[in-house]
C-alpha cells in the first residue's frame, strides 16, 4: 500500500532513527516528532520534517499527528528523571498518542513495547510497558504492538556498554553467573518490522515478539565482545544482591549508570515466547549478532 505521511514519535532515538530511515526508503513521507531539540533527529528536507511534540502534552501530540496516514510510537524511557517517569511516558504518554490517532481517524498505529511486559513484574519499567499496552488497546483497539528484545546495532547500549568495561579492568563482572538468556535483535530488523506493520493491514490488532535468530547466555555475549576486540579478561560471577546494593547507591546520582530496574531485568530471560507471532509472520529473516558485530565499531 502507499505509505503516505507517517508520524514517528521518538524518531530521534536509537530505534526511532532507524524507523525513520526505513520508512523513508520504503517511500513514506515522515514527520519526526521529538521532545527535545532536533539534535539526533534526521536532517529535514524533502520528505522528512521534524516537529516538536511531548507525548505527555495532548495538544502537541494532536498537532503532530494531524493529516497523518499512520503513527508510530517509539518513545522509550530507561532512566526516569523528574516528571519524566515510567508511568508518565510509557502509560499516560502512550495513551495520549493512541487517543490522538483514534480521534484524528488515522488508519494505522504501531506501538513499540518490549518482550516480557508484565503488569505483575517487580520492575517498574516492565510494569509500565505492560500498562502502556493496555492503555493503547483501550484507546485504539486495532493498534499493532511490537515487542522487541534487547536491541543491538551501531551506537547501541548493549555492546557499547560491554566494550566500555573491558579496557579499564582485568576482570569482567557478570550479572549473577552469567546464565540469563537474551535474544538480541538487530535494530534495523525491528525498523523493517515497523515498515511491514504500517504497510500491511493484516497486522492490525496483533502483537509480535521480535528476537534475533539465536538465544545467548549473557556470558556468551561478553565472550563474543572480548573475542571481537581481541581482549582477554577473567569473567567473575557477582551475586545479584551485590548488584542491587550498588544500584541503590548509584541511584543517588542525578544520572545513575546502573538502576535497580536494570538489575531486575538481568535476573530474567528476555526471549521470544513459543506461541508468539514473530519476524517470520512478517516475512523478515532477522540478522545474527555475529554478522553485524563488526559494523558496531566500524
C-alpha atoms as a PDB file:
ATOM      1  CA  UNK A   1       0.000   0.000   0.000  1.00  0.00           C
ATOM      2  CA  UNK A   2       1.159   3.632  -0.411  1.00  0.00           C
ATOM      3  CA  UNK A   3       2.570   4.752   2.933  1.00  0.00           C
ATOM      4  CA  UNK A   4       1.618   8.432   2.727  1.00  0.00           C
ATOM      5  CA  UNK A   5       2.593  10.517   5.762  1.00  0.00           C
ATOM      6  CA  UNK A   6       3.809   8.646   8.849  1.00  0.00           C
ATOM      7  CA  UNK A   7       4.394  10.462  12.140  1.00  0.00           C
ATOM      8  CA  UNK A   8       7.090   8.840  14.306  1.00  0.00           C
ATOM      9  CA  UNK A   9       7.206   9.797  17.983  1.00  0.00           C
ATOM     10  CA  UNK A  10      10.680   9.258  19.407  1.00  0.00           C
ATOM     11  CA  UNK A  11      12.163   9.461  15.922  1.00  0.00           C
ATOM     12  CA  UNK A  12      15.447  10.912  17.171  1.00  0.00           C
ATOM     13  CA  UNK A  13      16.159   7.953  19.474  1.00  0.00           C
ATOM     14  CA  UNK A  14      18.303   4.907  18.742  1.00  0.00           C
ATOM     15  CA  UNK A  15      15.460   2.823  17.319  1.00  0.00           C
ATOM     16  CA  UNK A  16      13.488   5.812  16.071  1.00  0.00           C
ATOM     17  CA  UNK A  17      16.236   6.969  13.702  1.00  0.00           C
ATOM     18  CA  UNK A  18      16.277   3.566  12.019  1.00  0.00           C
ATOM     19  CA  UNK A  19      12.488   3.561  11.774  1.00  0.00           C
ATOM     20  CA  UNK A  20      12.533   6.955  10.059  1.00  0.00           C
ATOM     21  CA  UNK A  21      15.225   5.808   7.630  1.00  0.00           C
ATOM     22  CA  UNK A  22      13.427   2.571   6.723  1.00  0.00           C
ATOM     23  CA  UNK A  23      10.044   4.264   6.296  1.00  0.00           C
ATOM     24  CA  UNK A  24      11.586   6.922   4.085  1.00  0.00           C
ATOM     25  CA  UNK A  25      13.345   4.265   1.990  1.00  0.00           C
ATOM     26  CA  UNK A  26      10.001   2.458   1.609  1.00  0.00           C
ATOM     27  CA  UNK A  27       8.513   5.606   0.094  1.00  0.00           C
ATOM     28  CA  UNK A  28       6.809   7.253   3.059  1.00  0.00           C
ATOM     29  CA  UNK A  29       6.818  10.904   3.927  1.00  0.00           C
ATOM     30  CA  UNK A  30       7.950  11.043   7.557  1.00  0.00           C
ATOM     31  CA  UNK A  31       7.155  13.533  10.292  1.00  0.00           C
ATOM     32  CA  UNK A  32       9.608  13.112  13.164  1.00  0.00           C
ATOM     33  CA  UNK A  33       8.089  14.180  16.489  1.00  0.00           C
ATOM     34  CA  UNK A  34      10.731  14.968  19.129  1.00  0.00           C
ATOM     35  CA  UNK A  35      10.543  16.351  22.675  1.00  0.00           C
ATOM     36  CA  UNK A  36      13.997  17.828  22.933  1.00  0.00           C
ATOM     37  CA  UNK A  37      15.899  19.839  20.372  1.00  0.00           C
ATOM     38  CA  UNK A  38      16.385  18.414  16.912  1.00  0.00           C
ATOM     39  CA  UNK A  39      19.769  17.041  17.981  1.00  0.00           C
ATOM     40  CA  UNK A  40      19.942  13.407  16.892  1.00  0.00           C
ATOM     41  CA  UNK A  41      16.967  13.782  14.576  1.00  0.00           C
ATOM     42  CA  UNK A  42      17.350  13.049  10.861  1.00  0.00           C
ATOM     43  CA  UNK A  43      18.060  16.061   8.655  1.00  0.00           C
ATOM     44  CA  UNK A  44      14.961  17.855   7.437  1.00  0.00           C
ATOM     45  CA  UNK A  45      14.184  18.314   3.806  1.00  0.00           C
ATOM     46  CA  UNK A  46      12.276  16.651   1.030  1.00  0.00           C
ATOM     47  CA  UNK A  47      10.006  14.026   2.544  1.00  0.00           C
ATOM     48  CA  UNK A  48      11.246  14.358   6.156  1.00  0.00           C
ATOM     49  CA  UNK A  49      10.134  17.065   8.584  1.00  0.00           C
ATOM     50  CA  UNK A  50      10.883  17.471  12.293  1.00  0.00           C
ATOM     51  CA  UNK A  51       8.306  18.873  14.722  1.00  0.00           C
ATOM     52  CA  UNK A  52       8.128  19.365  18.472  1.00  0.00           C
ATOM     53  CA  UNK A  53       5.845  17.095  20.480  1.00  0.00           C
ATOM     54  CA  UNK A  54       5.788  15.805  24.047  1.00  0.00           C
ATOM     55  CA  UNK A  55       3.743  12.625  24.497  1.00  0.00           C
ATOM     56  CA  UNK A  56       2.682  13.964  27.912  1.00  0.00           C
ATOM     57  CA  UNK A  57       1.110  17.009  26.259  1.00  0.00           C
ATOM     58  CA  UNK A  58      -2.045  16.109  24.363  1.00  0.00           C
ATOM     59  CA  UNK A  59      -2.094  19.379  22.436  1.00  0.00           C
ATOM     60  CA  UNK A  60       1.333  18.864  20.885  1.00  0.00           C
ATOM     61  CA  UNK A  61       0.531  15.210  20.169  1.00  0.00           C
ATOM     62  CA  UNK A  62      -2.681  16.121  18.344  1.00  0.00           C
ATOM     63  CA  UNK A  63      -0.827  18.687  16.269  1.00  0.00           C
ATOM     64  CA  UNK A  64       1.918  16.206  15.394  1.00  0.00           C
ATOM     65  CA  UNK A  65      -0.471  13.538  14.098  1.00  0.00           C
ATOM     66  CA  UNK A  66      -2.587  15.974  12.058  1.00  0.00           C
ATOM     67  CA  UNK A  67      -3.093  14.824   8.440  1.00  0.00           C
ATOM     68  CA  UNK A  68      -1.058  11.638   9.035  1.00  0.00           C
ATOM     69  CA  UNK A  69      -1.897   8.308   7.448  1.00  0.00           C
ATOM     70  CA  UNK A  70      -0.114   6.294  10.147  1.00  0.00           C
ATOM     71  CA  UNK A  71       1.522   6.848  13.537  1.00  0.00           C
ATOM     72  CA  UNK A  72       4.412   5.033  15.195  1.00  0.00           C
ATOM     73  CA  UNK A  73       5.155   5.453  18.902  1.00  0.00           C
ATOM     74  CA  UNK A  74       8.802   4.571  19.502  1.00  0.00           C
ATOM     75  CA  UNK A  75       9.200   6.640  22.673  1.00  0.00           C
ATOM     76  CA  UNK A  76      11.043   4.750  25.394  1.00  0.00           C
ATOM     77  CA  UNK A  77      12.464   5.713  28.780  1.00  0.00           C
ATOM     78  CA  UNK A  78      15.131   3.738  30.633  1.00  0.00           C
ATOM     79  CA  UNK A  79      16.067   6.075  33.500  1.00  0.00           C
ATOM     80  CA  UNK A  80      13.236   8.227  34.904  1.00  0.00           C
ATOM     81  CA  UNK A  81      14.111  11.845  35.651  1.00  0.00           C
ATOM     82  CA  UNK A  82      11.858  14.382  37.339  1.00  0.00           C
ATOM     83  CA  UNK A  83       8.392  14.417  35.792  1.00  0.00           C
ATOM     84  CA  UNK A  84       9.521  12.046  33.043  1.00  0.00           C
ATOM     85  CA  UNK A  85       8.553   8.883  34.927  1.00  0.00           C
ATOM     86  CA  UNK A  86       7.882   5.433  33.512  1.00  0.00           C
ATOM     87  CA  UNK A  87       4.158   5.906  34.110  1.00  0.00           C
ATOM     88  CA  UNK A  88       4.100   9.368  32.536  1.00  0.00           C
ATOM     89  CA  UNK A  89       5.904   8.252  29.370  1.00  0.00           C
ATOM     90  CA  UNK A  90       5.070   4.571  28.851  1.00  0.00           C
ATOM     91  CA  UNK A  91       1.481   4.654  30.110  1.00  0.00           C
ATOM     92  CA  UNK A  92      -0.005   8.162  30.005  1.00  0.00           C
ATOM     93  CA  UNK A  93       2.078   9.224  27.013  1.00  0.00           C
ATOM     94  CA  UNK A  94       1.279   6.071  25.066  1.00  0.00           C
ATOM     95  CA  UNK A  95      -2.407   6.617  25.759  1.00  0.00           C
ATOM     96  CA  UNK A  96      -2.199  10.226  24.544  1.00  0.00           C
ATOM     97  CA  UNK A  97      -0.678   9.092  21.244  1.00  0.00           C
ATOM     98  CA  UNK A  98      -3.253   6.328  20.800  1.00  0.00           C
ATOM     99  CA  UNK A  99      -6.143   8.638  21.662  1.00  0.00           C
ATOM    100  CA  UNK A 100      -4.931  11.338  19.280  1.00  0.00           C
ATOM    101  CA  UNK A 101      -4.556   8.769  16.478  1.00  0.00           C
ATOM    102  CA  UNK A 102      -8.088   7.491  17.039  1.00  0.00           C
ATOM    103  CA  UNK A 103      -9.637  10.969  17.225  1.00  0.00           C
ATOM    104  CA  UNK A 104      -7.810  12.019  14.056  1.00  0.00           C
ATOM    105  CA  UNK A 105      -9.173   8.985  12.210  1.00  0.00           C
ATOM    106  CA  UNK A 106      -5.691   7.642  11.488  1.00  0.00           C
ATOM    107  CA  UNK A 107      -5.798   4.183   9.911  1.00  0.00           C
ATOM    108  CA  UNK A 108      -2.628   2.635  11.377  1.00  0.00           C
ATOM    109  CA  UNK A 109      -0.990   2.843  14.800  1.00  0.00           C
ATOM    110  CA  UNK A 110       2.174   0.913  15.658  1.00  0.00           C
ATOM    111  CA  UNK A 111       3.224   0.900  19.309  1.00  0.00           C
ATOM    112  CA  UNK A 112       6.705  -0.219  20.415  1.00  0.00           C
ATOM    113  CA  UNK A 113       6.754  -2.069  23.743  1.00  0.00           C
ATOM    114  CA  UNK A 114       9.164  -4.789  24.876  1.00  0.00           C
ATOM    115  CA  UNK A 115       9.437  -8.535  25.416  1.00  0.00           C
ATOM    116  CA  UNK A 116       8.440  -9.565  28.914  1.00  0.00           C
ATOM    117  CA  UNK A 117       5.915  -6.770  29.506  1.00  0.00           C
ATOM    118  CA  UNK A 118       4.087  -7.879  32.666  1.00  0.00           C
ATOM    119  CA  UNK A 119       1.709  -5.952  34.933  1.00  0.00           C
ATOM    120  CA  UNK A 120       2.839  -8.106  37.877  1.00  0.00           C
ATOM    121  CA  UNK A 121       6.590  -7.553  37.447  1.00  0.00           C
ATOM    122  CA  UNK A 122       8.591  -6.145  40.345  1.00  0.00           C
ATOM    123  CA  UNK A 123      10.311  -3.899  37.793  1.00  0.00           C
ATOM    124  CA  UNK A 124       8.552  -0.553  37.425  1.00  0.00           C
ATOM    125  CA  UNK A 125       9.923  -0.359  33.863  1.00  0.00           C
ATOM    126  CA  UNK A 126       8.411  -3.716  32.850  1.00  0.00           C
ATOM    127  CA  UNK A 127       5.102  -2.940  34.595  1.00  0.00           C
ATOM    128  CA  UNK A 128       4.848   0.385  32.800  1.00  0.00           C
ATOM    129  CA  UNK A 129       5.409  -1.275  29.433  1.00  0.00           C
ATOM    130  CA  UNK A 130       2.556  -3.709  30.125  1.00  0.00           C
ATOM    131  CA  UNK A 131       0.231  -0.993  31.433  1.00  0.00           C
ATOM    132  CA  UNK A 132       1.124   1.086  28.387  1.00  0.00           C
ATOM    133  CA  UNK A 133      -0.027  -1.723  26.097  1.00  0.00           C
ATOM    134  CA  UNK A 134      -3.334  -1.896  27.954  1.00  0.00           C
ATOM    135  CA  UNK A 135      -3.763   1.872  27.704  1.00  0.00           C
ATOM    136  CA  UNK A 136      -3.073   1.787  23.966  1.00  0.00           C
ATOM    137  CA  UNK A 137      -5.531  -1.064  23.447  1.00  0.00           C
ATOM    138  CA  UNK A 138      -8.219   0.843  25.360  1.00  0.00           C
ATOM    139  CA  UNK A 139      -7.776   3.967  23.240  1.00  0.00           C
ATOM    140  CA  UNK A 140      -7.047   2.295  19.888  1.00  0.00           C
ATOM    141  CA  UNK A 141      -8.019  -1.413  19.917  1.00  0.00           C
ATOM    142  CA  UNK A 142      -6.576  -2.175  16.468  1.00  0.00           C
ATOM    143  CA  UNK A 143      -3.073  -0.918  17.214  1.00  0.00           C
ATOM    144  CA  UNK A 144      -0.211  -3.215  16.213  1.00  0.00           C
ATOM    145  CA  UNK A 145       2.126  -3.830  19.163  1.00  0.00           C
ATOM    146  CA  UNK A 146       5.763  -4.793  18.591  1.00  0.00           C
ATOM    147  CA  UNK A 147       7.782  -6.204  21.489  1.00  0.00           C
ATOM    148  CA  UNK A 148      11.487  -6.253  20.600  1.00  0.00           C
ATOM    149  CA  UNK A 149      14.096  -7.990  22.705  1.00  0.00           C
ATOM    150  CA  UNK A 150      17.275  -6.118  23.653  1.00  0.00           C
ATOM    151  CA  UNK A 151      18.387  -4.045  20.659  1.00  0.00           C
ATOM    152  CA  UNK A 152      21.830  -4.011  19.132  1.00  0.00           C
ATOM    153  CA  UNK A 153      23.432  -2.079  16.298  1.00  0.00           C
ATOM    154  CA  UNK A 154      25.828   0.788  15.744  1.00  0.00           C
ATOM    155  CA  UNK A 155      25.531   3.155  18.703  1.00  0.00           C
ATOM    156  CA  UNK A 156      23.612   0.652  20.863  1.00  0.00           C
ATOM    157  CA  UNK A 157      23.648   0.467  24.653  1.00  0.00           C
ATOM    158  CA  UNK A 158      24.209  -3.295  24.883  1.00  0.00           C
ATOM    159  CA  UNK A 159      27.546  -3.921  23.193  1.00  0.00           C
ATOM    160  CA  UNK A 160      28.891  -0.409  23.736  1.00  0.00           C
ATOM    161  CA  UNK A 161      28.478  -0.831  27.499  1.00  0.00           C
ATOM    162  CA  UNK A 162      30.151  -4.230  27.438  1.00  0.00           C
ATOM    163  CA  UNK A 163      33.079  -2.865  25.452  1.00  0.00           C
ATOM    164  CA  UNK A 164      33.441   0.156  27.734  1.00  0.00           C
ATOM    165  CA  UNK A 165      34.227  -2.016  30.757  1.00  0.00           C
ATOM    166  CA  UNK A 166      36.974  -4.136  29.187  1.00  0.00           C
ATOM    167  CA  UNK A 167      39.751  -1.504  28.790  1.00  0.00           C
ATOM    168  CA  UNK A 168      39.644  -0.396  32.441  1.00  0.00           C
ATOM    169  CA  UNK A 169      39.627  -3.678  34.337  1.00  0.00           C
ATOM    170  CA  UNK A 170      41.448  -7.034  34.150  1.00  0.00           C
ATOM    171  CA  UNK A 171      38.189  -8.735  35.137  1.00  0.00           C
ATOM    172  CA  UNK A 172      34.652  -8.542  33.834  1.00  0.00           C
ATOM    173  CA  UNK A 173      31.867  -8.695  36.448  1.00  0.00           C
ATOM    174  CA  UNK A 174      28.921 -10.831  35.386  1.00  0.00           C
ATOM    175  CA  UNK A 175      25.317 -10.439  36.470  1.00  0.00           C
ATOM    176  CA  UNK A 176      24.928 -13.493  38.651  1.00  0.00           C
ATOM    177  CA  UNK A 177      26.659 -16.434  36.993  1.00  0.00           C
ATOM    178  CA  UNK A 178      26.037 -15.004  33.519  1.00  0.00           C
ATOM    179  CA  UNK A 179      23.384 -17.569  32.626  1.00  0.00           C
ATOM    180  CA  UNK A 180      20.493 -15.177  31.908  1.00  0.00           C
ATOM    181  CA  UNK A 181      19.228 -15.854  28.376  1.00  0.00           C
ATOM    182  CA  UNK A 182      18.946 -12.981  25.910  1.00  0.00           C
ATOM    183  CA  UNK A 183      17.842 -12.859  22.278  1.00  0.00           C
ATOM    184  CA  UNK A 184      19.446  -9.665  20.901  1.00  0.00           C
ATOM    185  CA  UNK A 185      17.713  -8.228  17.870  1.00  0.00           C
ATOM    186  CA  UNK A 186      19.293  -6.026  15.210  1.00  0.00           C
ATOM    187  CA  UNK A 187      17.770  -2.555  15.319  1.00  0.00           C
ATOM    188  CA  UNK A 188      17.412  -2.429  11.539  1.00  0.00           C
ATOM    189  CA  UNK A 189      15.286  -5.588  11.584  1.00  0.00           C
ATOM    190  CA  UNK A 190      12.908  -4.039  14.120  1.00  0.00           C
ATOM    191  CA  UNK A 191      12.681  -0.929  11.931  1.00  0.00           C
ATOM    192  CA  UNK A 192      11.787  -3.150   8.984  1.00  0.00           C
ATOM    193  CA  UNK A 193       9.095  -4.806  11.107  1.00  0.00           C
ATOM    194  CA  UNK A 194       7.627  -1.346  11.714  1.00  0.00           C
ATOM    195  CA  UNK A 195       7.510  -0.750   7.959  1.00  0.00           C
ATOM    196  CA  UNK A 196       5.655  -4.043   7.483  1.00  0.00           C
ATOM    197  CA  UNK A 197       3.276  -3.285  10.350  1.00  0.00           C
ATOM    198  CA  UNK A 198       2.440   0.114   8.863  1.00  0.00           C
ATOM    199  CA  UNK A 199       2.050  -1.249   5.350  1.00  0.00           C
ATOM    200  CA  UNK A 200       0.168  -4.499   5.932  1.00  0.00           C
ATOM    201  CA  UNK A 201      -3.446  -4.143   7.196  1.00  0.00           C
ATOM    202  CA  UNK A 202      -3.302  -7.814   8.238  1.00  0.00           C
ATOM    203  CA  UNK A 203      -1.164  -6.801  11.238  1.00  0.00           C
ATOM    204  CA  UNK A 204      -3.932  -4.692  12.788  1.00  0.00           C
ATOM    205  CA  UNK A 205      -4.670  -5.613  16.397  1.00  0.00           C
ATOM    206  CA  UNK A 206      -1.824  -8.145  16.627  1.00  0.00           C
ATOM    207  CA  UNK A 207       1.187  -8.436  18.928  1.00  0.00           C
ATOM    208  CA  UNK A 208       4.591  -9.504  17.587  1.00  0.00           C
ATOM    209  CA  UNK A 209       7.614 -10.522  19.676  1.00  0.00           C
ATOM    210  CA  UNK A 210      10.844  -9.696  17.892  1.00  0.00           C
ATOM    211  CA  UNK A 211      14.042 -11.502  18.810  1.00  0.00           C
ATOM    212  CA  UNK A 212      17.163 -12.377  16.887  1.00  0.00           C
ATOM    213  CA  UNK A 213      17.741 -15.824  15.356  1.00  0.00           C
ATOM    214  CA  UNK A 214      19.733 -17.122  18.321  1.00  0.00           C
ATOM    215  CA  UNK A 215      19.397 -17.184  22.108  1.00  0.00           C
ATOM    216  CA  UNK A 216      22.594 -16.449  24.081  1.00  0.00           C
ATOM    217  CA  UNK A 217      23.611 -16.647  27.695  1.00  0.00           C
ATOM    218  CA  UNK A 218      24.814 -13.274  28.957  1.00  0.00           C
ATOM    219  CA  UNK A 219      28.260 -14.790  29.461  1.00  0.00           C
ATOM    220  CA  UNK A 220      28.363 -15.813  25.786  1.00  0.00           C
ATOM    221  CA  UNK A 221      27.682 -12.245  24.646  1.00  0.00           C
ATOM    222  CA  UNK A 222      30.512 -10.951  26.824  1.00  0.00           C
ATOM    223  CA  UNK A 223      32.836 -13.560  25.345  1.00  0.00           C
ATOM    224  CA  UNK A 224      31.798 -12.544  21.807  1.00  0.00           C
ATOM    225  CA  UNK A 225      32.728  -8.924  22.515  1.00  0.00           C
ATOM    226  CA  UNK A 226      36.072  -9.891  24.065  1.00  0.00           C
ATOM    227  CA  UNK A 227      36.976 -12.049  21.062  1.00  0.00           C
ATOM    228  CA  UNK A 228      35.958  -9.317  18.621  1.00  0.00           C
ATOM    229  CA  UNK A 229      38.042  -6.717  20.492  1.00  0.00           C
ATOM    230  CA  UNK A 230      40.922  -9.167  20.944  1.00  0.00           C
ATOM    231  CA  UNK A 231      40.932  -8.785  24.725  1.00  0.00           C
ATOM    232  CA  UNK A 232      41.356 -11.376  27.453  1.00  0.00           C
ATOM    233  CA  UNK A 233      39.510 -10.825  30.733  1.00  0.00           C
ATOM    234  CA  UNK A 234      38.581 -13.034  33.646  1.00  0.00           C
ATOM    235  CA  UNK A 235      34.795 -13.378  33.884  1.00  0.00           C
ATOM    236  CA  UNK A 236      33.787 -13.075  37.534  1.00  0.00           C
ATOM    237  CA  UNK A 237      30.281 -14.018  38.753  1.00  0.00           C
ATOM    238  CA  UNK A 238      28.777 -11.363  41.029  1.00  0.00           C
ATOM    239  CA  UNK A 239      25.641 -12.218  43.064  1.00  0.00           C
ATOM    240  CA  UNK A 240      22.583 -10.186  42.223  1.00  0.00           C
ATOM    241  CA  UNK A 241      22.195  -8.865  45.776  1.00  0.00           C
ATOM    242  CA  UNK A 242      25.557  -7.107  45.394  1.00  0.00           C
ATOM    243  CA  UNK A 243      24.383  -5.556  42.121  1.00  0.00           C
ATOM    244  CA  UNK A 244      21.229  -4.388  43.917  1.00  0.00           C
ATOM    245  CA  UNK A 245      23.290  -2.724  46.648  1.00  0.00           C
ATOM    246  CA  UNK A 246      25.437  -0.985  44.034  1.00  0.00           C
ATOM    247  CA  UNK A 247      22.342   0.128  42.115  1.00  0.00           C
ATOM    248  CA  UNK A 248      20.827   1.565  45.305  1.00  0.00           C
ATOM    249  CA  UNK A 249      23.977   3.606  45.951  1.00  0.00           C
ATOM    250  CA  UNK A 250      24.321   4.755  42.348  1.00  0.00           C
ATOM    251  CA  UNK A 251      20.637   5.658  42.364  1.00  0.00           C
ATOM    252  CA  UNK A 252      21.538   8.702  44.473  1.00  0.00           C
ATOM    253  CA  UNK A 253      23.306  10.211  41.442  1.00  0.00           C
ATOM    254  CA  UNK A 254      21.438  12.525  39.028  1.00  0.00           C
ATOM    255  CA  UNK A 255      22.064  10.180  36.084  1.00  0.00           C
ATOM    256  CA  UNK A 256      22.925   6.755  37.529  1.00  0.00           C
ATOM    257  CA  UNK A 257      24.895   4.329  35.317  1.00  0.00           C
ATOM    258  CA  UNK A 258      23.035   1.418  36.927  1.00  0.00           C
ATOM    259  CA  UNK A 259      19.488   1.235  38.267  1.00  0.00           C
ATOM    260  CA  UNK A 260      17.511  -1.287  40.278  1.00  0.00           C
ATOM    261  CA  UNK A 261      15.251  -1.878  37.290  1.00  0.00           C
ATOM    262  CA  UNK A 262      18.238  -2.808  35.133  1.00  0.00           C
ATOM    263  CA  UNK A 263      19.368  -5.335  37.727  1.00  0.00           C
ATOM    264  CA  UNK A 264      15.863  -6.820  37.889  1.00  0.00           C
ATOM    265  CA  UNK A 265      15.790  -7.110  34.101  1.00  0.00           C
ATOM    266  CA  UNK A 266      19.060  -9.050  34.126  1.00  0.00           C
ATOM    267  CA  UNK A 267      17.559 -11.612  36.506  1.00  0.00           C
ATOM    268  CA  UNK A 268      15.017 -12.737  33.910  1.00  0.00           C
ATOM    269  CA  UNK A 269      15.386 -14.330  30.494  1.00  0.00           C
ATOM    270  CA  UNK A 270      14.468 -11.945  27.666  1.00  0.00           C
ATOM    271  CA  UNK A 271      13.425 -14.224  24.833  1.00  0.00           C
ATOM    272  CA  UNK A 272      10.514 -14.732  22.434  1.00  0.00           C
ATOM    273  CA  UNK A 273       7.730 -16.941  23.791  1.00  0.00           C
ATOM    274  CA  UNK A 274       6.871 -20.172  21.981  1.00  0.00           C
ATOM    275  CA  UNK A 275       3.361 -19.095  20.973  1.00  0.00           C
ATOM    276  CA  UNK A 276       4.097 -15.527  19.850  1.00  0.00           C
ATOM    277  CA  UNK A 277       3.853 -14.053  16.370  1.00  0.00           C
ATOM    278  CA  UNK A 278       7.390 -13.256  15.233  1.00  0.00           C
ATOM    279  CA  UNK A 279       9.553 -11.914  12.414  1.00  0.00           C
ATOM    280  CA  UNK A 280       8.610 -14.999  10.396  1.00  0.00           C
ATOM    281  CA  UNK A 281       4.977 -13.871  10.367  1.00  0.00           C
ATOM    282  CA  UNK A 282       6.127 -10.559   8.886  1.00  0.00           C
ATOM    283  CA  UNK A 283       8.286 -12.224   6.220  1.00  0.00           C
ATOM    284  CA  UNK A 284      11.548 -10.989   7.791  1.00  0.00           C
ATOM    285  CA  UNK A 285      14.685 -13.062   8.420  1.00  0.00           C
ATOM    286  CA  UNK A 286      16.496 -11.404  11.364  1.00  0.00           C
ATOM    287  CA  UNK A 287      20.251 -10.906  11.248  1.00  0.00           C
ATOM    288  CA  UNK A 288      22.704 -12.541  13.648  1.00  0.00           C
ATOM    289  CA  UNK A 289      24.889 -10.853  16.223  1.00  0.00           C
ATOM    290  CA  UNK A 290      27.980 -12.391  14.622  1.00  0.00           C
ATOM    291  CA  UNK A 291      27.146 -10.910  11.212  1.00  0.00           C
ATOM    292  CA  UNK A 292      26.507  -7.378  12.496  1.00  0.00           C
ATOM    293  CA  UNK A 293      29.033  -7.120  15.336  1.00  0.00           C
ATOM    294  CA  UNK A 294      31.881  -5.761  13.144  1.00  0.00           C
ATOM    295  CA  UNK A 295      29.684  -2.857  11.965  1.00  0.00           C
ATOM    296  CA  UNK A 296      29.054  -1.692  15.535  1.00  0.00           C
ATOM    297  CA  UNK A 297      32.626  -0.454  15.845  1.00  0.00           C
ATOM    298  CA  UNK A 298      33.085   0.451  12.182  1.00  0.00           C
END
